C-alpha atoms as a PDB file:
ATOM      1  CA  MET A   1      12.064  15.321  -9.712  1.00  0.00           C
ATOM      2  CA  LYS A   2      15.015  13.497 -11.033  1.00  0.00           C
ATOM      3  CA  ALA A   3      17.291  14.522  -7.959  1.00  0.00           C
ATOM      4  CA  GLY A   4      14.399  12.908  -5.734  1.00  0.00           C
ATOM      5  CA  THR A   5      15.583   9.387  -4.733  1.00  0.00           C
ATOM      6  CA  GLY A   6      12.086   7.869  -6.172  1.00  0.00           C
ATOM      7  CA  TRP A   7      13.098   9.040  -9.898  1.00  0.00           C
ATOM      8  CA  PRO A   8      14.364   5.463 -10.719  1.00  0.00           C
ATOM      9  CA  ALA A   9      10.988   3.728  -9.972  1.00  0.00           C
ATOM     10  CA  LEU A  10       8.974   6.349 -11.674  1.00  0.00           C
ATOM     11  CA  GLU A  11      11.240   6.024 -14.785  1.00  0.00           C
ATOM     12  CA  ALA A  12      10.304   2.116 -14.911  1.00  0.00           C
ATOM     13  CA  VAL A  13       6.831   2.613 -14.850  1.00  0.00           C
ATOM     14  CA  ALA A  14       6.589   5.463 -17.165  1.00  0.00           C
ATOM     15  CA  HIS A  15       5.301   3.468 -20.334  1.00  0.00           C
ATOM     16  CA  THR A  16       2.264   2.639 -18.141  1.00  0.00           C
ATOM     17  CA  LEU A  17       1.375   6.238 -18.008  1.00  0.00           C
ATOM     18  CA  PRO A  18      -0.734   6.144 -21.397  1.00  0.00           C
ATOM     19  CA  TYR A  19      -2.706   2.889 -20.144  1.00  0.00           C
ATOM     20  CA  ASP A  20      -3.467   5.113 -16.934  1.00  0.00           C
ATOM     21  CA  LEU A  21      -4.675   8.223 -18.877  1.00  0.00           C
ATOM     22  CA  VAL A  22      -6.924   5.973 -20.772  1.00  0.00           C
ATOM     23  CA  ILE A  23      -8.598   4.245 -17.757  1.00  0.00           C
ATOM     24  CA  CYS A  24      -8.929   7.820 -16.133  1.00  0.00           C
ATOM     25  CA  GLY A  25     -10.812   8.799 -19.014  1.00  0.00           C
ATOM     26  CA  ASP A  26     -12.262  12.412 -18.031  1.00  0.00           C
ATOM     27  CA  GLN A  27     -11.077  11.970 -14.671  1.00  0.00           C
ATOM     28  CA  LEU A  28     -15.035  11.977 -13.381  1.00  0.00           C
ATOM     29  CA  VAL A  29     -15.992   9.225 -10.979  1.00  0.00           C
ATOM     30  CA  PRO A  30     -18.002   6.615 -12.866  1.00  0.00           C
ATOM     31  CA  GLU A  31     -20.649   6.715 -10.566  1.00  0.00           C
ATOM     32  CA  ALA A  32     -23.169   4.521 -12.712  1.00  0.00           C
ATOM     33  CA  ARG A  33     -20.472   1.914 -13.269  1.00  0.00           C
ATOM     34  CA  LEU A  34     -19.588   2.054  -9.358  1.00  0.00           C
ATOM     35  CA  ALA A  35     -23.178   1.829  -8.186  1.00  0.00           C
ATOM     36  CA  ARG A  36     -23.198  -1.766 -10.102  1.00  0.00           C
ATOM     37  CA  VAL A  37     -20.800  -2.894  -7.802  1.00  0.00           C
ATOM     38  CA  ALA A  38     -22.455  -5.701  -5.704  1.00  0.00           C
ATOM     39  CA  VAL A  39     -19.535  -6.872  -3.436  1.00  0.00           C
ATOM     40  CA  PRO A  40     -18.351  -5.580  -0.314  1.00  0.00           C
ATOM     41  CA  THR A  41     -15.801  -2.526  -0.783  1.00  0.00           C
ATOM     42  CA  LEU A  42     -13.433  -0.908   1.458  1.00  0.00           C
ATOM     43  CA  MET A  43     -11.880   2.258  -0.214  1.00  0.00           C
ATOM     44  CA  LEU A  44      -8.586   3.167   1.613  1.00  0.00           C
ATOM     45  CA  SER A  45      -6.634   6.442   1.536  1.00  0.00           C
ATOM     46  CA  GLY A  46      -3.671   7.988   3.396  1.00  0.00           C
ATOM     47  CA  GLY A  47      -4.278  11.024   5.409  1.00  0.00           C
ATOM     48  CA  ALA A  48      -1.063  12.383   4.423  1.00  0.00           C
ATOM     49  CA  SER A  49      -1.782  11.598   0.757  1.00  0.00           C
ATOM     50  CA  ALA A  50      -2.736  14.722  -1.615  1.00  0.00           C
ATOM     51  CA  GLU A  51      -6.480  15.935  -0.662  1.00  0.00           C
ATOM     52  CA  TRP A  52      -7.312  14.892  -4.454  1.00  0.00           C
ATOM     53  CA  MET A  53      -6.761  11.272  -3.579  1.00  0.00           C
ATOM     54  CA  ARG A  54      -8.605  11.339  -0.569  1.00  0.00           C
ATOM     55  CA  ASN A  55     -11.512  13.122  -2.045  1.00  0.00           C
ATOM     56  CA  ALA A  56     -11.495  10.457  -5.039  1.00  0.00           C
ATOM     57  CA  ALA A  57     -11.804   7.603  -2.540  1.00  0.00           C
ATOM     58  CA  ALA A  58     -14.551   9.306  -0.810  1.00  0.00           C
ATOM     59  CA  ALA A  59     -16.556   9.820  -4.077  1.00  0.00           C
ATOM     60  CA  CYS A  60     -16.003   6.208  -4.881  1.00  0.00           C
ATOM     61  CA  ALA A  61     -16.816   4.942  -1.761  1.00  0.00           C
ATOM     62  CA  ALA A  62     -20.117   7.131  -1.981  1.00  0.00           C
ATOM     63  CA  ALA A  63     -20.939   5.968  -5.306  1.00  0.00           C
ATOM     64  CA  ILE A  64     -20.882   1.964  -4.298  1.00  0.00           C
ATOM     65  CA  PRO A  65     -23.534   0.944  -2.355  1.00  0.00           C
ATOM     66  CA  GLY A  66     -22.639   0.082   0.909  1.00  0.00           C
ATOM     67  CA  ALA A  67     -18.860   0.613   0.639  1.00  0.00           C
ATOM     68  CA  HIS A  68     -16.862   1.635   3.326  1.00  0.00           C
ATOM     69  CA  ASN A  69     -14.278   4.723   3.224  1.00  0.00           C
ATOM     70  CA  THR A  70     -11.406   4.669   5.561  1.00  0.00           C
ATOM     71  CA  VAL A  71      -8.572   7.231   5.978  1.00  0.00           C
ATOM     72  CA  LEU A  72      -5.365   5.978   7.249  1.00  0.00           C
ATOM     73  CA  ASP A  73      -3.896   8.820   9.311  1.00  0.00           C
ATOM     74  CA  GLY A  74      -0.467   9.857   9.141  1.00  0.00           C
ATOM     75  CA  GLN A  75      -0.220   7.394   5.911  1.00  0.00           C
ATOM     76  CA  THR A  76       0.523   8.339   2.271  1.00  0.00           C
ATOM     77  CA  HIS A  77      -0.139   6.764  -0.932  1.00  0.00           C
ATOM     78  CA  GLY A  78       2.683   4.248  -0.139  1.00  0.00           C
ATOM     79  CA  VAL A  79       0.979   2.965   3.176  1.00  0.00           C
ATOM     80  CA  ALA A  80       2.795   1.028   5.695  1.00  0.00           C
ATOM     81  CA  ASP A  81       1.966  -2.524   5.865  1.00  0.00           C
ATOM     82  CA  GLU A  82       1.673  -2.532   9.825  1.00  0.00           C
ATOM     83  CA  ALA A  83      -1.090   0.442   9.021  1.00  0.00           C
ATOM     84  CA  VAL A  84      -3.074  -1.403   6.475  1.00  0.00           C
ATOM     85  CA  ALA A  85      -2.745  -4.631   7.605  1.00  0.00           C
ATOM     86  CA  PRO A  86      -5.478  -4.425  10.860  1.00  0.00           C
ATOM     87  CA  VAL A  87      -7.964  -2.331   8.773  1.00  0.00           C
ATOM     88  CA  LEU A  88      -7.749  -5.140   5.997  1.00  0.00           C
ATOM     89  CA  LEU A  89      -8.209  -8.247   8.725  1.00  0.00           C
ATOM     90  CA  GLU A  90     -11.292  -6.252  10.096  1.00  0.00           C
ATOM     91  CA  PHE A  91     -12.969  -5.721   7.169  1.00  0.00           C
ATOM     92  CA  PHE A  92     -12.586  -9.224   5.743  1.00  0.00           C
ATOM     93  CA  LEU A  93     -13.426 -10.792   8.902  1.00  0.00           C
ATOM     94  CA  SER A  94     -16.280  -8.641   9.884  1.00  0.00           C
END
């Protein structure tokens, strides 16, 4: 991984990993907690992202009443502004 161009960015946030792991807990979707979300919710994932990321977004959307799940075709976790902006505009203006 060090040979990759993204290593400096990963190294810069490495100190946050213990916090990420605590928040993720047992890595199960907290369905009971998410079922209490009472605001309009849009879950987004990239179609070119890892399958587990798309599955996690879909599971969270399924647990939140009335949530919308959208997969952005061709996008990764680092979604392009021009791909996400129209989706956000549509969601917030609806």
